[in-house]
């Protein structure tokens, strides 16, 4: 069975929620994900994120179709939000 790593997508969602000042919950994370991730995996990831700001590797069954342009743009927006948050934190730390 083909699998794909969705850790980066989950981390981008968690970081975006954090940047918005929202506490990550299963419902909020699941609503923003493009990939289908089992609830027990989401619960474990959110617990890990809350305790150490770490997202463990999460793999799900690979979708055989390519993501749409809209999905790709949304993913890029999440990645930009994550990178912006990290850059701001670095600037404040070394400012």
N, C-alpha and C. Protein backbone atom coordinates (compact mmCIF):
# COMPACT_ATOMS: atom_id res chain seq x y z
N UNK A 1 0.85 -1.18 0.00
CA UNK A 1 0.00 0.00 0.00
C UNK A 1 0.89 1.24 0.00
N UNK A 2 0.56 2.18 -0.85
CA UNK A 2 1.29 3.44 -0.90
C UNK A 2 0.85 4.34 0.24
N UNK A 3 1.84 5.02 0.83
CA UNK A 3 1.52 5.96 1.91
C UNK A 3 2.15 7.30 1.60
N UNK A 4 1.64 8.31 2.27
CA UNK A 4 2.25 9.63 2.15
C UNK A 4 2.40 10.23 3.53
N UNK A 5 3.46 10.99 3.69
CA UNK A 5 3.76 11.65 4.96
C UNK A 5 2.97 12.96 5.03
N UNK A 6 2.13 13.10 6.04
CA UNK A 6 1.32 14.32 6.18
C UNK A 6 1.78 15.16 7.37
N UNK A 7 2.95 14.84 7.91
CA UNK A 7 3.46 15.56 9.08
C UNK A 7 3.61 17.06 8.82
N UNK A 8 4.16 17.41 7.65
CA UNK A 8 4.36 18.83 7.34
C UNK A 8 3.02 19.56 7.23
N UNK A 9 2.04 18.91 6.63
CA UNK A 9 0.72 19.53 6.51
C UNK A 9 0.11 19.76 7.88
N UNK A 10 0.21 18.76 8.76
CA UNK A 10 -0.34 18.89 10.11
C UNK A 10 0.40 19.98 10.88
N UNK A 11 1.72 20.00 10.75
CA UNK A 11 2.51 21.02 11.45
C UNK A 11 2.15 22.42 10.96
N UNK A 12 1.93 22.57 9.66
CA UNK A 12 1.54 23.87 9.12
C UNK A 12 0.19 24.31 9.69
N UNK A 13 -0.75 23.39 9.80
CA UNK A 13 -2.06 23.71 10.36
C UNK A 13 -1.92 24.10 11.83
N UNK A 14 -1.17 23.32 12.58
CA UNK A 14 -0.98 23.62 14.01
C UNK A 14 -0.30 24.98 14.19
N UNK A 15 0.69 25.26 13.38
CA UNK A 15 1.39 26.55 13.48
C UNK A 15 0.48 27.72 13.10
N UNK A 16 -0.34 27.51 12.08
CA UNK A 16 -1.29 28.55 11.67
C UNK A 16 -2.29 28.83 12.79
N UNK A 17 -2.78 27.78 13.43
CA UNK A 17 -3.72 27.97 14.56
C UNK A 17 -3.02 28.71 15.70
N UNK A 18 -1.77 28.32 15.97
CA UNK A 18 -1.00 28.96 17.03
C UNK A 18 -0.80 30.44 16.71
N UNK A 19 -0.47 30.74 15.45
CA UNK A 19 -0.26 32.13 15.02
C UNK A 19 -1.55 32.95 15.16
N UNK A 20 -2.69 32.29 15.02
CA UNK A 20 -3.97 32.97 15.16
C UNK A 20 -4.41 33.06 16.62
N UNK A 21 -3.62 32.47 17.52
CA UNK A 21 -3.95 32.51 18.95
C UNK A 21 -5.02 31.50 19.33
N UNK A 22 -5.22 30.48 18.48
CA UNK A 22 -6.24 29.47 18.75
C UNK A 22 -5.60 28.21 19.31
N UNK A 23 -6.25 27.61 20.28
CA UNK A 23 -5.80 26.35 20.86
C UNK A 23 -6.17 25.21 19.91
N UNK A 24 -5.19 24.43 19.45
CA UNK A 24 -5.50 23.35 18.51
C UNK A 24 -6.42 22.31 19.14
N UNK A 25 -7.44 21.90 18.42
CA UNK A 25 -8.33 20.83 18.83
C UNK A 25 -8.47 19.89 17.65
N UNK A 26 -8.94 18.70 17.91
CA UNK A 26 -9.12 17.71 16.84
C UNK A 26 -10.02 18.30 15.76
N UNK A 27 -11.11 18.94 16.15
CA UNK A 27 -12.06 19.48 15.18
C UNK A 27 -11.43 20.58 14.32
N UNK A 28 -10.70 21.51 14.96
CA UNK A 28 -10.08 22.60 14.21
C UNK A 28 -9.03 22.08 13.23
N UNK A 29 -8.19 21.16 13.70
CA UNK A 29 -7.13 20.62 12.85
C UNK A 29 -7.73 19.83 11.70
N UNK A 30 -8.67 18.95 12.02
CA UNK A 30 -9.28 18.10 10.99
C UNK A 30 -9.97 18.95 9.92
N UNK A 31 -10.60 20.05 10.33
CA UNK A 31 -11.30 20.91 9.38
C UNK A 31 -10.35 21.58 8.39
N UNK A 32 -9.12 21.83 8.81
CA UNK A 32 -8.17 22.54 7.95
C UNK A 32 -7.28 21.62 7.13
N UNK A 33 -7.29 20.33 7.45
CA UNK A 33 -6.44 19.40 6.71
C UNK A 33 -7.07 19.03 5.37
N UNK A 34 -6.22 18.87 4.37
CA UNK A 34 -6.67 18.39 3.07
C UNK A 34 -6.67 16.88 3.04
N UNK A 35 -5.75 16.28 3.78
CA UNK A 35 -5.62 14.83 3.84
C UNK A 35 -6.52 14.29 4.95
N UNK A 36 -6.99 13.07 4.74
CA UNK A 36 -7.79 12.42 5.77
C UNK A 36 -6.84 11.71 6.73
N UNK A 37 -6.88 12.13 7.99
CA UNK A 37 -6.02 11.56 9.02
C UNK A 37 -6.92 10.95 10.09
N UNK A 38 -6.64 9.70 10.50
CA UNK A 38 -7.47 9.06 11.52
C UNK A 38 -7.47 9.86 12.83
N UNK A 39 -8.60 9.87 13.51
CA UNK A 39 -8.75 10.64 14.74
C UNK A 39 -7.72 10.24 15.81
N UNK A 40 -7.45 8.94 16.03
CA UNK A 40 -6.43 8.61 17.04
C UNK A 40 -5.06 9.21 16.73
N UNK A 41 -4.71 9.28 15.46
CA UNK A 41 -3.43 9.88 15.07
C UNK A 41 -3.45 11.38 15.36
N UNK A 42 -4.56 12.04 15.05
CA UNK A 42 -4.67 13.49 15.33
C UNK A 42 -4.57 13.77 16.83
N UNK A 43 -5.22 12.95 17.62
CA UNK A 43 -5.17 13.13 19.08
C UNK A 43 -3.73 13.01 19.57
N UNK A 44 -3.01 12.00 19.09
CA UNK A 44 -1.61 11.81 19.51
C UNK A 44 -0.74 12.98 19.07
N UNK A 45 -0.95 13.47 17.85
CA UNK A 45 -0.16 14.59 17.33
C UNK A 45 -0.43 15.85 18.15
N UNK A 46 -1.69 16.13 18.44
CA UNK A 46 -2.04 17.34 19.20
C UNK A 46 -1.45 17.27 20.61
N UNK A 47 -1.48 16.10 21.24
CA UNK A 47 -0.87 15.94 22.57
C UNK A 47 0.63 16.22 22.50
N UNK A 48 1.27 15.68 21.48
CA UNK A 48 2.71 15.90 21.31
C UNK A 48 3.00 17.38 21.08
N UNK A 49 2.19 18.02 20.25
CA UNK A 49 2.37 19.45 19.95
C UNK A 49 2.22 20.29 21.21
N UNK A 50 1.21 19.98 22.01
CA UNK A 50 0.97 20.76 23.23
C UNK A 50 2.12 20.63 24.22
N UNK A 51 2.70 19.43 24.31
CA UNK A 51 3.74 19.22 25.31
C UNK A 51 5.13 19.66 24.85
N UNK A 52 5.41 19.55 23.53
CA UNK A 52 6.79 19.84 23.11
C UNK A 52 6.91 20.60 21.78
N UNK A 53 5.80 21.07 21.23
CA UNK A 53 5.81 21.75 19.94
C UNK A 53 6.44 20.88 18.85
N UNK A 54 6.27 19.57 19.00
CA UNK A 54 6.83 18.61 18.04
C UNK A 54 5.70 17.82 17.39
N UNK A 55 5.82 17.63 16.07
CA UNK A 55 4.85 16.82 15.34
C UNK A 55 5.56 15.54 14.90
N UNK A 56 5.11 14.39 15.44
CA UNK A 56 5.72 13.13 15.02
C UNK A 56 5.36 12.82 13.57
N UNK A 57 6.11 11.93 12.96
CA UNK A 57 5.83 11.55 11.57
C UNK A 57 4.48 10.84 11.50
N UNK A 58 3.65 11.30 10.58
CA UNK A 58 2.32 10.71 10.39
C UNK A 58 2.18 10.34 8.92
N UNK A 59 1.87 9.08 8.66
CA UNK A 59 1.66 8.63 7.29
C UNK A 59 0.24 8.10 7.16
N UNK A 60 -0.36 8.40 6.03
CA UNK A 60 -1.71 7.91 5.73
C UNK A 60 -1.67 7.26 4.35
N UNK A 61 -2.72 6.54 4.03
CA UNK A 61 -2.80 5.92 2.71
C UNK A 61 -2.74 7.00 1.65
N UNK A 62 -1.93 6.77 0.64
CA UNK A 62 -1.74 7.76 -0.42
C UNK A 62 -2.98 7.87 -1.29
N UNK A 63 -3.31 9.10 -1.63
CA UNK A 63 -4.39 9.37 -2.55
C UNK A 63 -3.81 9.26 -3.95
N UNK A 64 -4.46 8.54 -4.81
CA UNK A 64 -3.89 8.30 -6.13
C UNK A 64 -4.03 9.49 -7.08
N UNK A 65 -4.87 10.46 -6.75
CA UNK A 65 -5.02 11.61 -7.64
C UNK A 65 -4.19 12.79 -7.14
N UNK A 66 -3.75 13.60 -8.06
CA UNK A 66 -2.97 14.77 -7.75
C UNK A 66 -3.85 15.82 -7.07
N UNK A 67 -3.27 16.62 -6.14
CA UNK A 67 -4.07 17.67 -5.51
C UNK A 67 -4.44 18.75 -6.54
N UNK A 68 -5.58 19.34 -6.31
CA UNK A 68 -6.04 20.40 -7.22
C UNK A 68 -5.20 21.64 -7.01
N UNK A 69 -5.29 22.56 -7.95
CA UNK A 69 -4.57 23.83 -7.84
C UNK A 69 -4.97 24.55 -6.56
N UNK A 70 -6.25 24.53 -6.25
CA UNK A 70 -6.74 25.19 -5.04
C UNK A 70 -6.11 24.56 -3.79
N UNK A 71 -6.01 23.23 -3.77
CA UNK A 71 -5.40 22.55 -2.63
C UNK A 71 -3.92 22.90 -2.52
N UNK A 72 -3.24 22.96 -3.65
CA UNK A 72 -1.82 23.29 -3.64
C UNK A 72 -1.60 24.72 -3.15
N UNK A 73 -2.44 25.65 -3.56
CA UNK A 73 -2.32 27.04 -3.12
C UNK A 73 -2.57 27.13 -1.62
N UNK A 74 -3.58 26.42 -1.14
CA UNK A 74 -3.89 26.45 0.29
C UNK A 74 -2.72 25.90 1.10
N UNK A 75 -2.11 24.81 0.62
CA UNK A 75 -0.95 24.24 1.30
C UNK A 75 0.21 25.24 1.33
N UNK A 76 0.43 25.90 0.21
CA UNK A 76 1.50 26.90 0.16
C UNK A 76 1.22 28.06 1.11
N UNK A 77 -0.04 28.47 1.21
CA UNK A 77 -0.40 29.54 2.14
C UNK A 77 -0.11 29.12 3.58
N UNK A 78 -0.41 27.86 3.91
CA UNK A 78 -0.12 27.36 5.25
C UNK A 78 1.39 27.34 5.51
N UNK A 79 2.15 26.94 4.51
CA UNK A 79 3.60 26.90 4.66
C UNK A 79 4.16 28.31 4.82
N UNK A 80 3.64 29.28 4.08
CA UNK A 80 4.09 30.66 4.20
C UNK A 80 3.76 31.19 5.61
N UNK A 81 2.58 30.87 6.12
CA UNK A 81 2.21 31.29 7.47
C UNK A 81 3.17 30.70 8.50
N UNK A 82 3.51 29.43 8.34
CA UNK A 82 4.44 28.76 9.25
C UNK A 82 5.82 29.40 9.18
N UNK A 83 6.31 29.64 7.97
CA UNK A 83 7.64 30.24 7.82
C UNK A 83 7.66 31.67 8.35
N UNK A 84 6.59 32.41 8.15
CA UNK A 84 6.48 33.77 8.67
C UNK A 84 6.53 33.76 10.19
N UNK A 85 5.80 32.81 10.80
CA UNK A 85 5.80 32.70 12.26
C UNK A 85 7.20 32.38 12.77
N UNK A 86 7.89 31.46 12.11
CA UNK A 86 9.24 31.09 12.54
C UNK A 86 10.20 32.26 12.36
N UNK A 87 10.09 32.98 11.27
CA UNK A 87 10.95 34.13 11.01
C UNK A 87 10.74 35.21 12.06
N UNK A 88 9.49 35.48 12.39
CA UNK A 88 9.18 36.48 13.41
C UNK A 88 9.77 36.08 14.75
N UNK A 89 9.65 34.79 15.10
CA UNK A 89 10.20 34.31 16.36
C UNK A 89 11.73 34.46 16.37
N UNK A 90 12.36 34.14 15.26
CA UNK A 90 13.82 34.28 15.17
C UNK A 90 14.24 35.75 15.29
N UNK A 91 13.51 36.62 14.61
CA UNK A 91 13.84 38.05 14.68
C UNK A 91 13.70 38.59 16.08
N UNK A 92 12.67 38.15 16.81
CA UNK A 92 12.47 38.60 18.17
C UNK A 92 13.56 38.06 19.10
N UNK A 93 13.98 36.83 18.83
CA UNK A 93 15.00 36.19 19.67
C UNK A 93 16.37 36.83 19.47
N UNK A 94 16.68 37.15 18.21
CA UNK A 94 18.00 37.69 17.89
C UNK A 94 17.99 39.19 17.60
N UNK A 95 16.83 39.80 17.74
CA UNK A 95 16.64 41.19 17.36
C UNK A 95 17.47 42.16 18.06
